[in-house]
Structures are given as structure tokens and as C-alpha cells.
N, C-alpha and C. Protein backbone atom coordinates (compact mmCIF):
# COMPACT_ATOMS: atom_id res chain seq x y z
N UNK A 1 6.00 -49.37 5.47
CA UNK A 1 4.70 -50.01 5.57
C UNK A 1 4.74 -51.28 4.73
N UNK A 2 4.29 -52.37 5.31
CA UNK A 2 4.10 -53.61 4.56
C UNK A 2 2.65 -54.02 4.73
N UNK A 3 2.05 -54.48 3.63
CA UNK A 3 0.69 -54.99 3.78
C UNK A 3 0.48 -56.18 2.86
N UNK A 4 -0.43 -57.03 3.28
CA UNK A 4 -0.78 -58.21 2.51
C UNK A 4 -2.29 -58.25 2.39
N UNK A 5 -2.78 -58.23 1.16
CA UNK A 5 -4.22 -58.34 0.92
C UNK A 5 -4.63 -59.79 1.13
N UNK A 6 -5.55 -60.01 2.05
CA UNK A 6 -5.97 -61.37 2.38
C UNK A 6 -7.21 -61.82 1.63
N UNK A 7 -7.92 -60.88 1.01
CA UNK A 7 -9.14 -61.24 0.29
C UNK A 7 -9.04 -60.94 -1.20
N UNK A 8 -7.82 -60.73 -1.69
CA UNK A 8 -7.64 -60.44 -3.11
C UNK A 8 -8.16 -61.61 -3.94
N UNK A 9 -8.94 -61.30 -4.95
CA UNK A 9 -9.51 -62.33 -5.81
C UNK A 9 -10.78 -62.96 -5.28
N UNK A 10 -11.20 -62.57 -4.09
CA UNK A 10 -12.44 -63.10 -3.50
C UNK A 10 -13.56 -62.13 -3.81
N UNK A 11 -14.69 -62.65 -4.27
CA UNK A 11 -15.81 -61.80 -4.63
C UNK A 11 -16.61 -61.43 -3.38
N UNK A 12 -16.17 -60.34 -2.73
CA UNK A 12 -16.83 -59.87 -1.52
C UNK A 12 -16.67 -58.36 -1.43
N UNK A 13 -17.62 -57.70 -0.81
CA UNK A 13 -17.53 -56.26 -0.63
C UNK A 13 -16.58 -55.91 0.51
N UNK A 14 -16.41 -56.84 1.45
CA UNK A 14 -15.51 -56.62 2.58
C UNK A 14 -14.10 -57.05 2.19
N UNK A 15 -13.12 -56.17 2.45
CA UNK A 15 -11.73 -56.48 2.13
C UNK A 15 -10.93 -56.55 3.43
N UNK A 16 -9.97 -57.47 3.48
CA UNK A 16 -9.14 -57.63 4.67
C UNK A 16 -7.68 -57.57 4.25
N UNK A 17 -6.90 -56.81 5.03
CA UNK A 17 -5.45 -56.71 4.81
C UNK A 17 -4.76 -56.89 6.15
N UNK A 18 -3.52 -57.39 6.11
CA UNK A 18 -2.68 -57.34 7.29
C UNK A 18 -1.62 -56.30 7.03
N UNK A 19 -1.46 -55.35 7.96
CA UNK A 19 -0.56 -54.22 7.77
C UNK A 19 0.47 -54.19 8.90
N UNK A 20 1.71 -53.90 8.53
CA UNK A 20 2.77 -53.71 9.51
C UNK A 20 3.36 -52.32 9.33
N UNK A 21 3.46 -51.57 10.40
CA UNK A 21 4.08 -50.25 10.40
C UNK A 21 5.42 -50.34 11.12
N UNK A 22 6.41 -49.68 10.57
CA UNK A 22 7.71 -49.57 11.22
C UNK A 22 7.56 -48.72 12.49
N UNK A 23 8.55 -48.76 13.37
CA UNK A 23 8.48 -47.93 14.58
C UNK A 23 8.26 -46.46 14.25
N UNK A 24 7.36 -45.85 15.00
CA UNK A 24 7.07 -44.41 14.91
C UNK A 24 6.63 -43.93 13.53
N UNK A 25 6.02 -44.81 12.77
CA UNK A 25 5.45 -44.42 11.46
C UNK A 25 4.17 -43.62 11.71
N UNK A 26 3.92 -42.62 10.88
CA UNK A 26 2.65 -41.88 11.03
C UNK A 26 2.03 -41.59 9.69
N UNK A 27 0.71 -41.64 9.66
CA UNK A 27 -0.09 -41.25 8.49
C UNK A 27 -0.77 -39.93 8.83
N UNK A 28 -0.89 -39.04 7.86
CA UNK A 28 -1.57 -37.76 8.13
C UNK A 28 -3.07 -37.97 8.33
N UNK A 29 -3.72 -36.94 8.82
CA UNK A 29 -5.17 -36.98 8.98
C UNK A 29 -5.79 -37.21 7.59
N UNK A 30 -6.71 -38.16 7.53
CA UNK A 30 -7.39 -38.48 6.27
C UNK A 30 -8.72 -39.15 6.60
N UNK A 31 -9.46 -39.49 5.54
CA UNK A 31 -10.72 -40.21 5.72
C UNK A 31 -10.97 -41.06 4.49
N UNK A 32 -11.90 -42.01 4.62
CA UNK A 32 -12.29 -42.90 3.53
C UNK A 32 -13.81 -42.88 3.37
N UNK A 33 -14.27 -43.24 2.18
CA UNK A 33 -15.72 -43.28 1.97
C UNK A 33 -16.31 -44.64 2.35
N UNK A 34 -15.50 -45.48 3.01
CA UNK A 34 -15.96 -46.76 3.54
C UNK A 34 -15.53 -46.84 5.01
N UNK A 35 -16.23 -47.62 5.80
CA UNK A 35 -15.84 -47.81 7.18
C UNK A 35 -14.66 -48.75 7.30
N UNK A 36 -13.99 -48.71 8.44
CA UNK A 36 -12.84 -49.57 8.68
C UNK A 36 -12.89 -50.11 10.10
N UNK A 37 -12.35 -51.31 10.26
CA UNK A 37 -12.14 -51.89 11.59
C UNK A 37 -10.68 -52.34 11.62
N UNK A 38 -9.95 -51.92 12.67
CA UNK A 38 -8.57 -52.35 12.87
C UNK A 38 -8.54 -53.31 14.05
N UNK A 39 -7.82 -54.40 13.91
CA UNK A 39 -7.60 -55.35 15.00
C UNK A 39 -6.09 -55.41 15.23
N UNK A 40 -5.65 -54.85 16.34
CA UNK A 40 -4.21 -54.76 16.63
C UNK A 40 -3.71 -56.10 17.14
N UNK A 41 -2.64 -56.60 16.54
CA UNK A 41 -2.08 -57.90 16.95
C UNK A 41 -0.72 -57.76 17.63
N UNK A 42 -0.01 -56.65 17.36
CA UNK A 42 1.30 -56.47 17.99
C UNK A 42 1.67 -54.99 18.01
N UNK A 43 2.46 -54.61 18.99
CA UNK A 43 2.91 -53.24 19.12
C UNK A 43 1.82 -52.31 19.59
N UNK A 44 1.97 -51.04 19.24
CA UNK A 44 1.00 -50.00 19.59
C UNK A 44 0.55 -49.28 18.34
N UNK A 45 -0.75 -49.08 18.23
CA UNK A 45 -1.32 -48.30 17.15
C UNK A 45 -2.10 -47.14 17.79
N UNK A 46 -1.63 -45.94 17.54
CA UNK A 46 -2.27 -44.74 18.09
C UNK A 46 -3.22 -44.19 17.03
N UNK A 47 -4.48 -44.00 17.40
CA UNK A 47 -5.49 -43.44 16.50
C UNK A 47 -6.04 -42.19 17.17
N UNK A 48 -5.84 -41.06 16.52
CA UNK A 48 -6.28 -39.76 17.07
C UNK A 48 -5.81 -39.57 18.51
N UNK A 49 -4.58 -39.97 18.78
CA UNK A 49 -3.98 -39.74 20.09
C UNK A 49 -4.29 -40.78 21.15
N UNK A 50 -5.10 -41.80 20.82
CA UNK A 50 -5.44 -42.85 21.78
C UNK A 50 -4.59 -44.10 21.51
N UNK A 51 -3.94 -44.62 22.57
CA UNK A 51 -3.11 -45.81 22.44
C UNK A 51 -3.97 -47.06 22.38
N UNK A 52 -3.62 -47.96 21.44
CA UNK A 52 -4.31 -49.24 21.28
C UNK A 52 -3.26 -50.33 21.19
N UNK A 53 -3.25 -51.25 22.15
CA UNK A 53 -2.29 -52.34 22.17
C UNK A 53 -2.87 -53.61 21.59
N UNK A 54 -2.10 -54.70 21.65
CA UNK A 54 -2.56 -55.98 21.12
C UNK A 54 -3.92 -56.38 21.69
N UNK A 55 -4.80 -56.83 20.81
CA UNK A 55 -6.14 -57.22 21.19
C UNK A 55 -7.17 -56.11 21.05
N UNK A 56 -6.69 -54.90 20.80
CA UNK A 56 -7.62 -53.77 20.64
C UNK A 56 -8.34 -53.85 19.30
N UNK A 57 -9.60 -53.41 19.32
CA UNK A 57 -10.39 -53.31 18.10
C UNK A 57 -10.82 -51.86 17.97
N UNK A 58 -10.54 -51.26 16.82
CA UNK A 58 -10.83 -49.84 16.57
C UNK A 58 -11.80 -49.76 15.40
N UNK A 59 -12.94 -49.12 15.60
CA UNK A 59 -13.93 -48.94 14.54
C UNK A 59 -13.91 -47.49 14.09
N UNK A 60 -13.75 -47.30 12.79
CA UNK A 60 -13.72 -45.95 12.22
C UNK A 60 -14.85 -45.85 11.18
N UNK A 61 -15.87 -45.07 11.48
CA UNK A 61 -16.97 -44.91 10.51
C UNK A 61 -16.48 -44.22 9.23
N UNK A 62 -17.18 -44.46 8.15
CA UNK A 62 -16.82 -43.80 6.89
C UNK A 62 -16.94 -42.29 7.05
N UNK A 63 -16.20 -41.58 6.22
CA UNK A 63 -16.20 -40.11 6.21
C UNK A 63 -15.80 -39.50 7.54
N UNK A 64 -14.94 -40.19 8.30
CA UNK A 64 -14.46 -39.69 9.59
C UNK A 64 -12.97 -39.35 9.47
N UNK A 65 -12.59 -38.14 9.86
CA UNK A 65 -11.18 -37.76 9.86
C UNK A 65 -10.45 -38.51 10.97
N UNK A 66 -9.29 -39.07 10.64
CA UNK A 66 -8.47 -39.73 11.67
C UNK A 66 -7.01 -39.76 11.22
N UNK A 67 -6.12 -39.89 12.20
CA UNK A 67 -4.70 -40.04 11.95
C UNK A 67 -4.22 -41.27 12.71
N UNK A 68 -3.23 -41.96 12.16
CA UNK A 68 -2.71 -43.18 12.74
C UNK A 68 -1.20 -43.08 12.86
N UNK A 69 -0.66 -43.58 13.97
CA UNK A 69 0.80 -43.72 14.06
C UNK A 69 1.11 -44.94 14.92
N UNK A 70 2.29 -45.49 14.70
CA UNK A 70 2.72 -46.65 15.46
C UNK A 70 3.60 -46.22 16.62
N UNK A 71 3.75 -47.11 17.58
CA UNK A 71 4.59 -46.84 18.74
C UNK A 71 6.06 -47.12 18.46
N UNK A 72 6.90 -47.09 19.49
CA UNK A 72 8.34 -47.24 19.32
C UNK A 72 8.77 -48.63 18.82
N UNK A 73 7.89 -49.63 18.95
CA UNK A 73 8.21 -50.97 18.45
C UNK A 73 7.45 -51.29 17.16
N UNK A 74 6.78 -50.30 16.57
CA UNK A 74 5.98 -50.54 15.37
C UNK A 74 4.61 -51.07 15.74
N UNK A 75 3.90 -51.56 14.73
CA UNK A 75 2.56 -52.11 14.96
C UNK A 75 2.21 -53.09 13.85
N UNK A 76 1.43 -54.10 14.21
CA UNK A 76 0.86 -55.02 13.25
C UNK A 76 -0.63 -55.08 13.50
N UNK A 77 -1.42 -55.02 12.41
CA UNK A 77 -2.87 -55.03 12.62
C UNK A 77 -3.59 -55.49 11.36
N UNK A 78 -4.76 -56.05 11.57
CA UNK A 78 -5.66 -56.37 10.47
C UNK A 78 -6.50 -55.14 10.19
N UNK A 79 -6.70 -54.85 8.92
CA UNK A 79 -7.56 -53.75 8.49
C UNK A 79 -8.71 -54.39 7.71
N UNK A 80 -9.92 -54.19 8.20
CA UNK A 80 -11.11 -54.72 7.54
C UNK A 80 -11.89 -53.54 7.00
N UNK A 81 -12.09 -53.49 5.69
CA UNK A 81 -12.83 -52.40 5.05
C UNK A 81 -14.26 -52.88 4.82
N UNK A 82 -15.20 -52.11 5.33
CA UNK A 82 -16.61 -52.49 5.21
C UNK A 82 -17.36 -51.40 4.44
N UNK A 83 -18.17 -51.81 3.48
CA UNK A 83 -18.88 -50.81 2.67
C UNK A 83 -19.98 -50.09 3.47
């Protein structure tokens, strides 16, 4: 996993990161106390078994269980954390 914080040092409640997953990377089921929006820019990002390709936008409400994995070519996506 590689990530770059894009709003580090900025005084805002919303945080933005760019994340890259290696091919077939998976995260276990988890949840956050903040909402998230993923914007897929490359590869495939599977969220709870649903395939999301480039241009997909995935909204995950806070306190929601979800699992993420990348496809055979990996995935690149923006992660926006919203309070």
C-alpha cells in the first residue's frame, strides 16, 4: 500500500489521500467513525464484492462495515474522509 496525504497541514475537517494498492491486495472487514468517499482512478477496487473501475465513486457512511480489495492490476484511488 502506498498513500500520499494531500491535505496534510491544511486546516480542514475533510482529509484527502491518494492510495495505491498492489495487485490483489485486500483489507479485512472494518469500519470508521467518519464517512468516506473513494474515487477510483485506475485498476479495479472491489468494495463488499462489487467491482468499481476507473471513474467510479464509492460512498461509505460512517460506522458501516466494509471490506476492500484490488483487482489483478492493483488499484489507485482518492480517499476523501468526511466528518
